């Protein structure tokens, strides 16, 4: 005869010990932990936003020292010369006294007497004849100007006319001379020659007067 087993009554486990309730609690716990982490992260971000940004470090500039004021060097006293007075009357007088000259090419007649005297002087100073003639032409030009300024140009009139009348057949030869003569002296020489028809040119008349002066210079040596 078999015995019948009587089933034991198991006391029901509390709700907290049930497996499905434990998993729910774990989920709730993990959710809470997650929310706590989110709150802490959000709080950290808020603190980071609230902190003001630190100003950028600026490079220190070296201090500039003010230059010492230098004493001005003493300047030498400058004196300005007084300006010359400009007087129009004096200027007109000065311009009026300046001679008006005319450049001319003269052919000075050299006759046999003048040529002979030049040759003798050339032997004395051991120079050639042409050197002596050139030197006396230069000297005679200045002497002619001085004679005219002294009002003694008429002293040469007879010799000047004589030299103009002499031709190459008589041994007279021309010596070329280029110079500038005062126009007033040229006019005075023309007046002395008494040439109303103007047959003689200015060059011929002045060449004759310069030749006459040269003759006077050579013959007085």
C-alpha atoms as a PDB file:
ATOM      1  CA  UNK A   1       0.000   0.000   0.000  1.00  0.00           C
ATOM      2  CA  UNK A   2       1.572   3.253  -1.127  1.00  0.00           C
ATOM      3  CA  UNK A   3       1.714   6.295   0.916  1.00  0.00           C
ATOM      4  CA  UNK A   4       0.380   9.506  -0.552  1.00  0.00           C
ATOM      5  CA  UNK A   5       2.674  12.452  -0.272  1.00  0.00           C
ATOM      6  CA  UNK A   6       1.095  15.532   1.026  1.00  0.00           C
ATOM      7  CA  UNK A   7       2.450  18.620  -0.835  1.00  0.00           C
ATOM      8  CA  UNK A   8       4.172  21.120   1.313  1.00  0.00           C
ATOM      9  CA  UNK A   9       2.806  24.598   1.302  1.00  0.00           C
ATOM     10  CA  UNK A  10       5.478  27.080   0.360  1.00  0.00           C
ATOM     11  CA  UNK A  11       5.034  30.470   1.816  1.00  0.00           C
ATOM     12  CA  UNK A  12       4.786  33.064  -0.845  1.00  0.00           C
ATOM     13  CA  UNK A  13       7.995  35.192  -1.243  1.00  0.00           C
ATOM     14  CA  UNK A  14       7.652  38.912  -0.650  1.00  0.00           C
ATOM     15  CA  UNK A  15       7.178  41.117  -3.663  1.00  0.00           C
ATOM     16  CA  UNK A  16      10.598  42.564  -3.301  1.00  0.00           C
ATOM     17  CA  UNK A  17      12.187  39.169  -3.697  1.00  0.00           C
ATOM     18  CA  UNK A  18      10.458  38.343  -6.914  1.00  0.00           C
ATOM     19  CA  UNK A  19      12.721  38.177  -9.918  1.00  0.00           C
ATOM     20  CA  UNK A  20      10.599  40.497 -12.046  1.00  0.00           C
ATOM     21  CA  UNK A  21      10.558  43.069  -9.305  1.00  0.00           C
ATOM     22  CA  UNK A  22      14.328  42.941  -8.940  1.00  0.00           C
ATOM     23  CA  UNK A  23      14.863  43.694 -12.599  1.00  0.00           C
ATOM     24  CA  UNK A  24      12.500  46.640 -12.332  1.00  0.00           C
ATOM     25  CA  UNK A  25      14.402  47.947  -9.370  1.00  0.00           C
ATOM     26  CA  UNK A  26      17.656  47.651 -11.281  1.00  0.00           C
ATOM     27  CA  UNK A  27      16.205  49.625 -14.140  1.00  0.00           C
ATOM     28  CA  UNK A  28      14.937  52.277 -11.782  1.00  0.00           C
ATOM     29  CA  UNK A  29      18.292  52.435 -10.047  1.00  0.00           C
ATOM     30  CA  UNK A  30      20.235  52.717 -13.315  1.00  0.00           C
ATOM     31  CA  UNK A  31      17.807  55.399 -14.502  1.00  0.00           C
ATOM     32  CA  UNK A  32      18.378  57.356 -11.340  1.00  0.00           C
ATOM     33  CA  UNK A  33      22.136  57.035 -11.685  1.00  0.00           C
ATOM     34  CA  UNK A  34      21.927  58.168 -15.300  1.00  0.00           C
ATOM     35  CA  UNK A  35      19.837  61.186 -14.330  1.00  0.00           C
ATOM     36  CA  UNK A  36      22.343  62.049 -11.591  1.00  0.00           C
ATOM     37  CA  UNK A  37      25.194  61.898 -14.103  1.00  0.00           C
ATOM     38  CA  UNK A  38      23.285  64.099 -16.545  1.00  0.00           C
ATOM     39  CA  UNK A  39      22.612  66.642 -13.805  1.00  0.00           C
ATOM     40  CA  UNK A  40      26.275  66.733 -12.826  1.00  0.00           C
ATOM     41  CA  UNK A  41      27.381  67.174 -16.476  1.00  0.00           C
ATOM     42  CA  UNK A  42      24.805  69.923 -17.005  1.00  0.00           C
ATOM     43  CA  UNK A  43      25.983  71.628 -13.826  1.00  0.00           C
ATOM     44  CA  UNK A  44      29.605  71.486 -14.980  1.00  0.00           C
ATOM     45  CA  UNK A  45      28.653  73.045 -18.339  1.00  0.00           C
ATOM     46  CA  UNK A  46      26.737  75.798 -16.597  1.00  0.00           C
ATOM     47  CA  UNK A  47      29.708  76.574 -14.371  1.00  0.00           C
ATOM     48  CA  UNK A  48      31.977  76.646 -17.400  1.00  0.00           C
ATOM     49  CA  UNK A  49      29.647  79.117 -19.135  1.00  0.00           C
ATOM     50  CA  UNK A  50      29.370  81.322 -16.071  1.00  0.00           C
ATOM     51  CA  UNK A  51      33.164  81.663 -15.719  1.00  0.00           C
ATOM     52  CA  UNK A  52      34.316  84.798 -17.596  1.00  0.00           C
ATOM     53  CA  UNK A  53      36.952  84.274 -20.218  1.00  0.00           C
ATOM     54  CA  UNK A  54      40.420  85.231 -19.037  1.00  0.00           C
ATOM     55  CA  UNK A  55      41.826  88.215 -20.914  1.00  0.00           C
ATOM     56  CA  UNK A  56      44.567  87.416 -23.383  1.00  0.00           C
ATOM     57  CA  UNK A  57      47.988  88.084 -22.057  1.00  0.00           C
ATOM     58  CA  UNK A  58      49.458  91.194 -23.676  1.00  0.00           C
ATOM     59  CA  UNK A  59      53.136  91.549 -24.384  1.00  0.00           C
ATOM     60  CA  UNK A  60      54.706  94.039 -22.134  1.00  0.00           C
ATOM     61  CA  UNK A  61      56.007  97.038 -24.054  1.00  0.00           C
ATOM     62  CA  UNK A  62      59.352  98.432 -22.974  1.00  0.00           C
ATOM     63  CA  UNK A  63      59.080 101.730 -21.253  1.00  0.00           C
ATOM     64  CA  UNK A  64      60.073 104.623 -23.478  1.00  0.00           C
ATOM     65  CA  UNK A  65      62.382 107.070 -21.918  1.00  0.00           C
ATOM     66  CA  UNK A  66      61.894 110.677 -22.886  1.00  0.00           C
ATOM     67  CA  UNK A  67      64.946 112.111 -24.667  1.00  0.00           C
ATOM     68  CA  UNK A  68      66.776 114.667 -22.702  1.00  0.00           C
ATOM     69  CA  UNK A  69      66.240 118.169 -23.990  1.00  0.00           C
ATOM     70  CA  UNK A  70      69.472 119.401 -25.555  1.00  0.00           C
ATOM     71  CA  UNK A  71      70.456 122.952 -25.128  1.00  0.00           C
ATOM     72  CA  UNK A  72      70.458 124.807 -28.469  1.00  0.00           C
ATOM     73  CA  UNK A  73      73.899 125.559 -29.815  1.00  0.00           C
ATOM     74  CA  UNK A  74      74.685 129.238 -29.996  1.00  0.00           C
ATOM     75  CA  UNK A  75      74.388 130.423 -33.587  1.00  0.00           C
ATOM     76  CA  UNK A  76      76.870 132.969 -34.885  1.00  0.00           C
ATOM     77  CA  UNK A  77      75.365 136.341 -35.417  1.00  0.00           C
ATOM     78  CA  UNK A  78      74.712 136.962 -39.084  1.00  0.00           C
ATOM     79  CA  UNK A  79      74.757 140.397 -40.484  1.00  0.00           C
ATOM     80  CA  UNK A  80      73.097 141.074 -43.790  1.00  0.00           C
ATOM     81  CA  UNK A  81      74.806 143.528 -46.014  1.00  0.00           C
ATOM     82  CA  UNK A  82      72.603 146.432 -47.026  1.00  0.00           C
ATOM     83  CA  UNK A  83      71.181 146.094 -50.494  1.00  0.00           C
ATOM     84  CA  UNK A  84      72.469 148.606 -52.970  1.00  0.00           C
ATOM     85  CA  UNK A  85      69.984 151.287 -53.782  1.00  0.00           C
ATOM     86  CA  UNK A  86      68.527 151.001 -57.214  1.00  0.00           C
ATOM     87  CA  UNK A  87      68.364 154.458 -58.667  1.00  0.00           C
ATOM     88  CA  UNK A  88      66.908 154.478 -62.193  1.00  0.00           C
ATOM     89  CA  UNK A  89      68.724 157.719 -63.005  1.00  0.00           C
ATOM     90  CA  UNK A  90      72.089 156.221 -62.052  1.00  0.00           C
ATOM     91  CA  UNK A  91      71.309 153.059 -64.028  1.00  0.00           C
ATOM     92  CA  UNK A  92      70.482 155.093 -67.112  1.00  0.00           C
ATOM     93  CA  UNK A  93      73.684 157.101 -66.698  1.00  0.00           C
ATOM     94  CA  UNK A  94      75.777 153.925 -66.392  1.00  0.00           C
ATOM     95  CA  UNK A  95      74.210 152.408 -69.498  1.00  0.00           C
ATOM     96  CA  UNK A  96      74.720 155.661 -71.374  1.00  0.00           C
ATOM     97  CA  UNK A  97      78.446 155.750 -70.539  1.00  0.00           C
ATOM     98  CA  UNK A  98      79.067 152.232 -71.840  1.00  0.00           C
ATOM     99  CA  UNK A  99      80.513 152.539 -75.342  1.00  0.00           C
ATOM    100  CA  UNK A 100      78.780 150.910 -78.276  1.00  0.00           C
ATOM    101  CA  UNK A 101      81.303 149.028 -80.356  1.00  0.00           C
ATOM    102  CA  UNK A 102      81.273 147.545 -83.817  1.00  0.00           C
ATOM    103  CA  UNK A 103      83.281 144.509 -84.835  1.00  0.00           C
ATOM    104  CA  UNK A 104      85.304 145.127 -87.971  1.00  0.00           C
ATOM    105  CA  UNK A 105      87.835 143.343 -90.138  1.00  0.00           C
ATOM    106  CA  UNK A 106      90.525 145.841 -91.139  1.00  0.00           C
ATOM    107  CA  UNK A 107      93.211 145.556 -93.781  1.00  0.00           C
ATOM    108  CA  UNK A 108      95.902 147.843 -92.402  1.00  0.00           C
ATOM    109  CA  UNK A 109      98.255 149.175 -95.102  1.00  0.00           C
ATOM    110  CA  UNK A 110     101.951 148.464 -94.374  1.00  0.00           C
ATOM    111  CA  UNK A 111     104.233 150.527 -96.655  1.00  0.00           C
ATOM    112  CA  UNK A 112     107.944 150.021 -97.303  1.00  0.00           C
ATOM    113  CA  UNK A 113     109.018 152.394 -94.510  1.00  0.00           C
ATOM    114  CA  UNK A 114     106.957 150.570 -91.910  1.00  0.00           C
ATOM    115  CA  UNK A 115     108.153 147.188 -93.199  1.00  0.00           C
ATOM    116  CA  UNK A 116     111.774 148.302 -93.023  1.00  0.00           C
ATOM    117  CA  UNK A 117     111.426 149.567 -89.451  1.00  0.00           C
ATOM    118  CA  UNK A 118     109.772 146.308 -88.415  1.00  0.00           C
ATOM    119  CA  UNK A 119     112.643 144.321 -89.963  1.00  0.00           C
ATOM    120  CA  UNK A 120     115.284 146.259 -88.021  1.00  0.00           C
ATOM    121  CA  UNK A 121     113.431 145.808 -84.745  1.00  0.00           C
ATOM    122  CA  UNK A 122     113.095 142.090 -85.445  1.00  0.00           C
ATOM    123  CA  UNK A 123     116.864 141.766 -85.803  1.00  0.00           C
ATOM    124  CA  UNK A 124     117.382 143.656 -82.550  1.00  0.00           C
ATOM    125  CA  UNK A 125     115.166 141.357 -80.482  1.00  0.00           C
ATOM    126  CA  UNK A 126     115.995 138.200 -82.473  1.00  0.00           C
ATOM    127  CA  UNK A 127     112.444 137.743 -83.718  1.00  0.00           C
ATOM    128  CA  UNK A 128     110.969 137.550 -87.205  1.00  0.00           C
ATOM    129  CA  UNK A 129     109.367 140.492 -88.988  1.00  0.00           C
ATOM    130  CA  UNK A 130     105.774 139.153 -88.685  1.00  0.00           C
ATOM    131  CA  UNK A 131     106.099 138.908 -84.916  1.00  0.00           C
ATOM    132  CA  UNK A 132     107.073 142.583 -84.681  1.00  0.00           C
ATOM    133  CA  UNK A 133     104.252 143.692 -86.993  1.00  0.00           C
ATOM    134  CA  UNK A 134     101.644 141.736 -84.983  1.00  0.00           C
ATOM    135  CA  UNK A 135     102.953 143.213 -81.728  1.00  0.00           C
ATOM    136  CA  UNK A 136     102.860 146.782 -83.096  1.00  0.00           C
ATOM    137  CA  UNK A 137      99.366 146.327 -84.487  1.00  0.00           C
ATOM    138  CA  UNK A 138      98.181 145.404 -80.998  1.00  0.00           C
ATOM    139  CA  UNK A 139     100.014 148.360 -79.441  1.00  0.00           C
ATOM    140  CA  UNK A 140      98.788 150.775 -82.111  1.00  0.00           C
ATOM    141  CA  UNK A 141      95.139 149.757 -81.582  1.00  0.00           C
ATOM    142  CA  UNK A 142      95.246 150.862 -77.942  1.00  0.00           C
ATOM    143  CA  UNK A 143      97.232 154.000 -78.838  1.00  0.00           C
ATOM    144  CA  UNK A 144      94.623 154.937 -81.475  1.00  0.00           C
ATOM    145  CA  UNK A 145      91.817 154.699 -78.874  1.00  0.00           C
ATOM    146  CA  UNK A 146      93.743 156.869 -76.432  1.00  0.00           C
ATOM    147  CA  UNK A 147      94.489 159.461 -79.136  1.00  0.00           C
ATOM    148  CA  UNK A 148      90.818 159.632 -80.088  1.00  0.00           C
ATOM    149  CA  UNK A 149      89.751 160.035 -76.439  1.00  0.00           C
ATOM    150  CA  UNK A 150      92.260 162.871 -76.124  1.00  0.00           C
ATOM    151  CA  UNK A 151      90.714 164.569 -79.166  1.00  0.00           C
ATOM    152  CA  UNK A 152      93.909 164.289 -81.257  1.00  0.00           C
ATOM    153  CA  UNK A 153      92.710 161.994 -84.028  1.00  0.00           C
ATOM    154  CA  UNK A 154      93.299 164.739 -86.583  1.00  0.00           C
ATOM    155  CA  UNK A 155      97.077 164.403 -86.017  1.00  0.00           C
ATOM    156  CA  UNK A 156      96.974 161.187 -88.074  1.00  0.00           C
ATOM    157  CA  UNK A 157      94.835 162.514 -90.945  1.00  0.00           C
ATOM    158  CA  UNK A 158      97.639 163.306 -93.426  1.00  0.00           C
ATOM    159  CA  UNK A 159      99.406 159.938 -92.967  1.00  0.00           C
ATOM    160  CA  UNK A 160      96.073 158.117 -93.168  1.00  0.00           C
ATOM    161  CA  UNK A 161      95.249 159.732 -96.516  1.00  0.00           C
ATOM    162  CA  UNK A 162      98.762 158.986 -97.772  1.00  0.00           C
ATOM    163  CA  UNK A 163      98.441 155.297 -96.927  1.00  0.00           C
ATOM    164  CA  UNK A 164      95.081 155.113 -98.716  1.00  0.00           C
ATOM    165  CA  UNK A 165      96.571 156.614-101.888  1.00  0.00           C
ATOM    166  CA  UNK A 166      99.482 154.163-101.955  1.00  0.00           C
ATOM    167  CA  UNK A 167      98.914 151.015-104.007  1.00  0.00           C
ATOM    168  CA  UNK A 168     100.469 147.579-104.121  1.00  0.00           C
ATOM    169  CA  UNK A 169     102.764 148.749-106.919  1.00  0.00           C
ATOM    170  CA  UNK A 170     104.481 151.123-104.482  1.00  0.00           C
ATOM    171  CA  UNK A 171     105.294 148.274-102.085  1.00  0.00           C
ATOM    172  CA  UNK A 172     102.320 148.676 -99.740  1.00  0.00           C
ATOM    173  CA  UNK A 173     100.700 145.472 -98.510  1.00  0.00           C
ATOM    174  CA  UNK A 174      97.615 144.953 -96.293  1.00  0.00           C
ATOM    175  CA  UNK A 175      97.848 143.365 -92.853  1.00  0.00           C
ATOM    176  CA  UNK A 176      94.610 141.833 -91.637  1.00  0.00           C
ATOM    177  CA  UNK A 177      93.355 142.802 -88.166  1.00  0.00           C
ATOM    178  CA  UNK A 178      90.040 141.844 -86.515  1.00  0.00           C
ATOM    179  CA  UNK A 179      88.866 144.107 -83.671  1.00  0.00           C
ATOM    180  CA  UNK A 180      85.941 146.021 -82.142  1.00  0.00           C
ATOM    181  CA  UNK A 181      85.941 149.831 -82.369  1.00  0.00           C
ATOM    182  CA  UNK A 182      83.770 152.481 -80.773  1.00  0.00           C
ATOM    183  CA  UNK A 183      81.082 153.641 -83.197  1.00  0.00           C
ATOM    184  CA  UNK A 184      81.625 157.249 -82.118  1.00  0.00           C
ATOM    185  CA  UNK A 185      85.304 157.014 -83.026  1.00  0.00           C
ATOM    186  CA  UNK A 186      84.356 155.597 -86.436  1.00  0.00           C
ATOM    187  CA  UNK A 187      81.973 158.504 -86.989  1.00  0.00           C
ATOM    188  CA  UNK A 188      84.651 161.049 -85.997  1.00  0.00           C
ATOM    189  CA  UNK A 189      87.148 159.467 -88.389  1.00  0.00           C
ATOM    190  CA  UNK A 190      84.660 159.649 -91.261  1.00  0.00           C
ATOM    191  CA  UNK A 191      84.037 163.318 -90.508  1.00  0.00           C
ATOM    192  CA  UNK A 192      87.777 164.081 -90.635  1.00  0.00           C
ATOM    193  CA  UNK A 193      88.129 162.438 -94.054  1.00  0.00           C
ATOM    194  CA  UNK A 194      85.498 164.778 -95.528  1.00  0.00           C
ATOM    195  CA  UNK A 195      83.836 162.140 -97.728  1.00  0.00           C
ATOM    196  CA  UNK A 196      80.298 163.569 -98.285  1.00  0.00           C
ATOM    197  CA  UNK A 197      79.470 161.115-101.081  1.00  0.00           C
ATOM    198  CA  UNK A 198      80.442 158.114 -98.946  1.00  0.00           C
ATOM    199  CA  UNK A 199      82.888 156.648-101.469  1.00  0.00           C
ATOM    200  CA  UNK A 200      85.150 155.331 -98.711  1.00  0.00           C
ATOM    201  CA  UNK A 201      83.878 152.540 -96.500  1.00  0.00           C
ATOM    202  CA  UNK A 202      84.241 152.548 -92.746  1.00  0.00           C
ATOM    203  CA  UNK A 203      86.698 149.665 -92.971  1.00  0.00           C
ATOM    204  CA  UNK A 204      89.009 151.559 -95.357  1.00  0.00           C
ATOM    205  CA  UNK A 205      88.970 154.739 -93.260  1.00  0.00           C
ATOM    206  CA  UNK A 206      89.683 152.924 -89.971  1.00  0.00           C
ATOM    207  CA  UNK A 207      92.342 150.770 -91.655  1.00  0.00           C
ATOM    208  CA  UNK A 208      94.080 153.967 -92.802  1.00  0.00           C
ATOM    209  CA  UNK A 209      93.940 155.548 -89.334  1.00  0.00           C
ATOM    210  CA  UNK A 210      95.267 152.402 -87.654  1.00  0.00           C
ATOM    211  CA  UNK A 211      98.068 152.222 -90.237  1.00  0.00           C
ATOM    212  CA  UNK A 212      98.940 155.872 -89.570  1.00  0.00           C
ATOM    213  CA  UNK A 213      99.095 155.173 -85.824  1.00  0.00           C
ATOM    214  CA  UNK A 214     101.340 152.174 -86.423  1.00  0.00           C
ATOM    215  CA  UNK A 215     103.632 154.310 -88.588  1.00  0.00           C
ATOM    216  CA  UNK A 216     103.874 156.829 -85.748  1.00  0.00           C
ATOM    217  CA  UNK A 217     104.734 154.080 -83.246  1.00  0.00           C
ATOM    218  CA  UNK A 218     107.417 152.522 -85.469  1.00  0.00           C
ATOM    219  CA  UNK A 219     109.125 155.760 -86.413  1.00  0.00           C
ATOM    220  CA  UNK A 220     109.450 157.024 -82.853  1.00  0.00           C
ATOM    221  CA  UNK A 221     111.494 153.990 -81.785  1.00  0.00           C
END
